[in-house]
Protein backbone atom coordinates (compact mmCIF):
# COMPACT_ATOMS: atom_id res chain seq x y z
CA GLN A 1 74.31 99.93 -43.99
CA VAL A 2 76.47 99.50 -47.24
CA ARG A 3 74.85 100.57 -50.41
CA LEU A 4 76.29 100.29 -53.83
CA MET A 5 74.56 101.58 -56.85
CA GLU A 6 75.91 101.00 -60.54
CA SER A 7 75.00 102.96 -63.52
CA GLY A 8 76.34 103.27 -67.10
CA GLY A 9 75.68 99.90 -68.66
CA GLY A 10 73.98 99.53 -72.09
CA LEU A 11 74.09 98.20 -75.61
CA VAL A 12 77.36 98.85 -77.53
CA GLN A 13 78.87 97.51 -80.76
CA ALA A 14 82.06 95.59 -80.62
CA GLY A 15 85.06 97.84 -80.49
CA GLY A 16 83.14 100.53 -78.60
CA SER A 17 83.35 101.86 -75.17
CA LEU A 18 81.40 102.25 -71.98
CA ARG A 19 82.14 103.77 -68.57
CA LEU A 20 80.47 102.32 -65.48
CA SER A 21 80.03 104.03 -62.28
CA CYS A 22 79.42 102.86 -58.77
CA ALA A 23 78.21 105.14 -56.00
CA ALA A 24 79.17 103.79 -52.60
CA SER A 25 77.54 104.78 -49.26
CA GLY A 26 77.63 103.44 -45.76
CA VAL A 27 81.23 102.25 -46.26
CA ASN A 28 84.50 103.66 -45.05
CA PHE A 29 85.54 104.44 -48.69
CA LYS A 30 89.04 105.66 -47.72
CA ILE A 31 90.15 102.14 -46.52
CA ALA A 32 87.65 99.74 -48.41
CA PRO A 33 88.88 97.66 -51.21
CA MET A 34 86.57 98.02 -54.15
CA GLY A 35 85.99 95.93 -57.39
CA TRP A 36 84.10 94.98 -60.41
CA TYR A 37 82.64 91.61 -61.10
CA ARG A 38 80.53 90.26 -64.00
CA GLN A 39 78.21 87.33 -64.64
CA ALA A 40 77.43 86.21 -68.03
CA PRO A 41 74.29 83.91 -68.53
CA GLY A 42 75.14 80.36 -67.52
CA LYS A 43 78.45 81.27 -66.05
CA GLN A 44 79.79 81.81 -62.59
CA ARG A 45 80.49 85.44 -61.40
CA GLU A 46 83.98 86.42 -62.02
CA MET A 47 86.20 89.12 -60.75
CA VAL A 48 87.04 91.77 -63.61
CA ALA A 49 89.08 94.44 -61.79
CA GLY A 50 89.94 95.52 -58.30
CA ILE A 51 91.41 98.47 -56.67
CA SER A 52 92.82 98.81 -53.20
CA ALA A 53 92.39 101.68 -50.82
CA GLY A 54 95.80 102.78 -51.86
CA GLY A 55 94.93 102.68 -55.53
CA ILE A 56 96.60 99.50 -56.54
CA THR A 57 94.66 97.80 -59.34
CA ASN A 58 94.41 94.26 -60.68
CA TYR A 59 92.63 92.76 -63.56
CA THR A 60 91.62 89.50 -65.03
CA ASP A 61 93.68 88.46 -67.95
CA SER A 62 90.95 88.85 -70.50
CA VAL A 63 90.42 92.60 -69.95
CA LYS A 64 93.99 93.77 -69.31
CA GLY A 65 94.90 96.69 -71.60
CA ARG A 66 91.24 97.19 -72.47
CA PHE A 67 89.68 98.02 -68.97
CA ALA A 68 90.72 100.54 -66.39
CA VAL A 69 89.41 100.75 -62.86
CA SER A 70 89.59 104.06 -60.86
CA ARG A 71 88.15 105.53 -57.77
CA ASP A 72 87.39 109.04 -56.61
CA TRP A 73 87.92 109.04 -52.87
CA ALA A 74 86.36 112.57 -52.48
CA ARG A 75 83.12 111.41 -54.10
CA ASN A 76 82.99 107.77 -52.95
CA MET A 77 82.75 106.67 -56.49
CA LEU A 78 84.20 103.67 -58.34
CA TYR A 79 84.56 103.60 -62.14
CA LEU A 80 85.29 101.07 -64.78
CA GLN A 81 86.40 102.36 -68.18
CA MET A 82 85.88 99.61 -70.75
CA ASN A 83 87.41 100.05 -74.33
CA SER A 84 87.64 97.65 -77.26
CA LEU A 85 84.55 95.83 -76.09
CA LYS A 86 84.03 92.37 -77.26
CA PRO A 87 80.94 90.26 -77.46
CA GLU A 88 82.36 88.00 -74.69
CA ASP A 89 82.31 90.98 -72.42
CA THR A 90 78.46 90.84 -72.38
CA ALA A 91 77.41 90.26 -68.87
CA VAL A 92 75.75 91.88 -65.75
CA TYR A 93 78.53 93.99 -64.07
CA TYR A 94 78.48 94.33 -60.25
CA CYS A 95 80.21 96.67 -57.95
CA HIS A 96 81.74 95.05 -54.80
CA THR A 97 83.20 95.82 -51.64
CA TYR A 98 84.24 93.70 -48.55
CA SER A 99 83.17 95.66 -45.56
CA SER A 100 81.41 94.99 -42.18
CA ALA A 101 82.89 91.50 -42.46
CA ARG A 102 80.87 90.65 -45.49
CA ASN A 103 80.69 90.89 -49.17
CA ASN A 104 78.52 93.79 -50.38
CA TRP A 105 77.01 93.89 -54.05
CA GLY A 106 75.14 96.36 -56.01
CA GLN A 107 72.22 95.46 -57.97
CA GLY A 108 74.15 95.11 -61.15
CA THR A 109 74.18 96.97 -64.63
CA GLN A 110 73.78 95.13 -67.97
CA VAL A 111 76.47 95.41 -70.57
CA THR A 112 75.60 94.04 -74.00
CA VAL A 113 78.16 94.01 -76.76
CA SER A 114 76.83 93.24 -80.32
CA SER A 115 79.10 91.73 -82.92
């Protein structure tokens, strides 16, 4: 059973930084693509950043140059370093992987950026 557990969210002022972590279990982490999504109130869930099994990354345009996704294959951990945070980054952030022929999500962690 795939389990994803996020941590690291919180309240931060605009311009600040946060680092999100996701602990993955029940998935072949060495080959699984991983990613971060977010959902703001009243909006659809959107992809923020993804990282392939080989370490290739991609980002939505609004976070390029500010966010960095990384993974630790030895510890089955996924990270999202978020710098220069803006109020529009406020959302619940979810860890995601596609494994066992289905989408798998964590419970989410709240990120709130005050102006």
